[in-house]
Amino acid sequence: MSLFKQKIHWRGIFGQVGLLIHVPAGMAFLSMIIALIFEEWFALIPFAVTGIVCLAIGQTLYRCCFKAQATNLWDRSWWESGFLVITDGPL
């Protein structure tokens, strides 16, 4: 079966992207702590805004789009073709 004739689960992809967007949010909040330690008061607002926006977008994408049964990130075609494939069944 061709790789390009498979159904793509956009909701699953957006849900996974929502999980990944939590990483910059965590980095921004960690940077806020470091800015507090070194008394860099001017950096708190930008880091807080970045963290809140990333966390809001990530949670929205994750909660609205993620369906665990619709995603299969470790499909066997990933290892065979070198592409990340999200499918709902066997190839």
C-alpha atoms as a PDB file:
ATOM      1  CA  MET A   1       0.000   0.000   0.000  1.00  0.00           C
ATOM      2  CA  SER A   2       1.253   3.443  -0.848  1.00  0.00           C
ATOM      3  CA  LEU A   3       2.321   5.786   1.907  1.00  0.00           C
ATOM      4  CA  PHE A   4       0.384   8.663   0.362  1.00  0.00           C
ATOM      5  CA  LYS A   5      -2.954   6.859   0.056  1.00  0.00           C
ATOM      6  CA  GLN A   6      -3.433   6.514   3.803  1.00  0.00           C
ATOM      7  CA  LYS A   7      -5.907   8.503   5.827  1.00  0.00           C
ATOM      8  CA  ILE A   8      -4.254  11.306   7.785  1.00  0.00           C
ATOM      9  CA  HIS A   9      -5.583  11.960  11.288  1.00  0.00           C
ATOM     10  CA  TRP A  10      -5.275  15.722  11.562  1.00  0.00           C
ATOM     11  CA  ARG A  11      -6.877  15.741  15.004  1.00  0.00           C
ATOM     12  CA  GLY A  12      -4.208  13.378  16.271  1.00  0.00           C
ATOM     13  CA  ILE A  13      -1.450  15.486  14.764  1.00  0.00           C
ATOM     14  CA  PHE A  14      -2.826  18.685  16.296  1.00  0.00           C
ATOM     15  CA  GLY A  15      -3.168  16.929  19.644  1.00  0.00           C
ATOM     16  CA  GLN A  16       0.477  15.866  19.550  1.00  0.00           C
ATOM     17  CA  VAL A  17       1.536  19.382  18.532  1.00  0.00           C
ATOM     18  CA  GLY A  18      -0.459  20.666  21.518  1.00  0.00           C
ATOM     19  CA  LEU A  19       1.614  18.426  23.770  1.00  0.00           C
ATOM     20  CA  LEU A  20       4.844  19.701  22.226  1.00  0.00           C
ATOM     21  CA  ILE A  21       3.853  23.350  22.722  1.00  0.00           C
ATOM     22  CA  HIS A  22       3.986  22.727  26.461  1.00  0.00           C
ATOM     23  CA  VAL A  23       7.789  22.564  26.192  1.00  0.00           C
ATOM     24  CA  PRO A  24       8.316  26.287  25.399  1.00  0.00           C
ATOM     25  CA  ALA A  25       5.791  27.142  28.124  1.00  0.00           C
ATOM     26  CA  GLY A  26       7.825  25.197  30.661  1.00  0.00           C
ATOM     27  CA  MET A  27      11.032  26.797  29.412  1.00  0.00           C
ATOM     28  CA  ALA A  28       9.511  30.271  29.808  1.00  0.00           C
ATOM     29  CA  PHE A  29       8.361  29.546  33.358  1.00  0.00           C
ATOM     30  CA  LEU A  30      11.788  28.124  34.232  1.00  0.00           C
ATOM     31  CA  SER A  31      13.389  31.244  32.771  1.00  0.00           C
ATOM     32  CA  MET A  32      11.150  33.344  35.034  1.00  0.00           C
ATOM     33  CA  ILE A  33      12.617  31.600  38.057  1.00  0.00           C
ATOM     34  CA  ILE A  34      16.135  32.234  36.794  1.00  0.00           C
ATOM     35  CA  ALA A  35      15.281  35.886  36.113  1.00  0.00           C
ATOM     36  CA  LEU A  36      14.008  36.193  39.691  1.00  0.00           C
ATOM     37  CA  ILE A  37      17.205  34.696  41.092  1.00  0.00           C
ATOM     38  CA  PHE A  38      19.352  37.191  39.177  1.00  0.00           C
ATOM     39  CA  GLU A  39      16.917  40.073  39.841  1.00  0.00           C
ATOM     40  CA  GLU A  40      16.214  40.750  36.167  1.00  0.00           C
ATOM     41  CA  TRP A  41      12.810  42.330  36.780  1.00  0.00           C
ATOM     42  CA  PHE A  42      12.336  43.563  33.200  1.00  0.00           C
ATOM     43  CA  ALA A  43      12.364  39.945  31.917  1.00  0.00           C
ATOM     44  CA  LEU A  44       9.459  38.694  34.040  1.00  0.00           C
ATOM     45  CA  ILE A  45       6.591  40.096  31.957  1.00  0.00           C
ATOM     46  CA  PRO A  46       7.854  38.784  28.569  1.00  0.00           C
ATOM     47  CA  PHE A  47       8.538  35.331  30.014  1.00  0.00           C
ATOM     48  CA  ALA A  48       5.154  35.262  31.740  1.00  0.00           C
ATOM     49  CA  VAL A  49       3.311  36.277  28.564  1.00  0.00           C
ATOM     50  CA  THR A  50       5.210  33.698  26.500  1.00  0.00           C
ATOM     51  CA  GLY A  51       4.520  30.944  29.025  1.00  0.00           C
ATOM     52  CA  ILE A  52       0.812  31.755  29.371  1.00  0.00           C
ATOM     53  CA  VAL A  53       0.233  32.023  25.612  1.00  0.00           C
ATOM     54  CA  CYS A  54       2.093  28.782  24.864  1.00  0.00           C
ATOM     55  CA  LEU A  55       0.316  26.962  27.670  1.00  0.00           C
ATOM     56  CA  ALA A  56      -3.104  28.224  26.526  1.00  0.00           C
ATOM     57  CA  ILE A  57      -2.522  27.230  22.892  1.00  0.00           C
ATOM     58  CA  GLY A  58      -1.053  23.863  23.879  1.00  0.00           C
ATOM     59  CA  GLN A  59      -3.912  23.021  26.240  1.00  0.00           C
ATOM     60  CA  THR A  60      -6.503  24.118  23.674  1.00  0.00           C
ATOM     61  CA  LEU A  61      -5.006  21.961  20.933  1.00  0.00           C
ATOM     62  CA  TYR A  62      -4.509  19.003  23.248  1.00  0.00           C
ATOM     63  CA  ARG A  63      -7.956  19.040  24.839  1.00  0.00           C
ATOM     64  CA  CYS A  64      -9.872  19.753  21.626  1.00  0.00           C
ATOM     65  CA  CYS A  65      -8.013  17.476  19.253  1.00  0.00           C
ATOM     66  CA  PHE A  66      -6.265  14.625  21.055  1.00  0.00           C
ATOM     67  CA  LYS A  67      -7.755  11.155  20.708  1.00  0.00           C
ATOM     68  CA  ALA A  68      -5.374   8.452  21.910  1.00  0.00           C
ATOM     69  CA  GLN A  69      -6.983   5.680  19.868  1.00  0.00           C
ATOM     70  CA  ALA A  70      -6.692   7.687  16.640  1.00  0.00           C
ATOM     71  CA  THR A  71      -2.943   8.134  16.805  1.00  0.00           C
ATOM     72  CA  ASN A  72      -0.317   5.521  16.289  1.00  0.00           C
ATOM     73  CA  LEU A  73       2.994   7.346  16.225  1.00  0.00           C
ATOM     74  CA  TRP A  74       5.111   4.210  16.319  1.00  0.00           C
ATOM     75  CA  ASP A  75       3.653   2.508  13.303  1.00  0.00           C
ATOM     76  CA  ARG A  76       5.872  -0.048  11.600  1.00  0.00           C
ATOM     77  CA  SER A  77       6.082   2.145   8.488  1.00  0.00           C
ATOM     78  CA  TRP A  78       8.034   4.697  10.538  1.00  0.00           C
ATOM     79  CA  TRP A  79      10.909   2.277  10.755  1.00  0.00           C
ATOM     80  CA  GLU A  80      10.593   1.006   7.195  1.00  0.00           C
ATOM     81  CA  SER A  81      10.261   4.252   5.261  1.00  0.00           C
ATOM     82  CA  GLY A  82      11.783   6.864   7.542  1.00  0.00           C
ATOM     83  CA  PHE A  83       8.550   8.878   7.701  1.00  0.00           C
ATOM     84  CA  LEU A  84       6.389   9.481  10.745  1.00  0.00           C
ATOM     85  CA  VAL A  85       2.963   8.077   9.841  1.00  0.00           C
ATOM     86  CA  ILE A  86      -0.202   8.426  11.878  1.00  0.00           C
ATOM     87  CA  THR A  87      -2.737   5.818  10.822  1.00  0.00           C
ATOM     88  CA  ASP A  88      -5.709   4.050  12.295  1.00  0.00           C
ATOM     89  CA  GLY A  89      -4.846   0.559  11.184  1.00  0.00           C
ATOM     90  CA  PRO A  90      -2.323  -1.718   9.578  1.00  0.00           C
ATOM     91  CA  LEU A  91      -0.687  -0.839   6.321  1.00  0.00           C
END
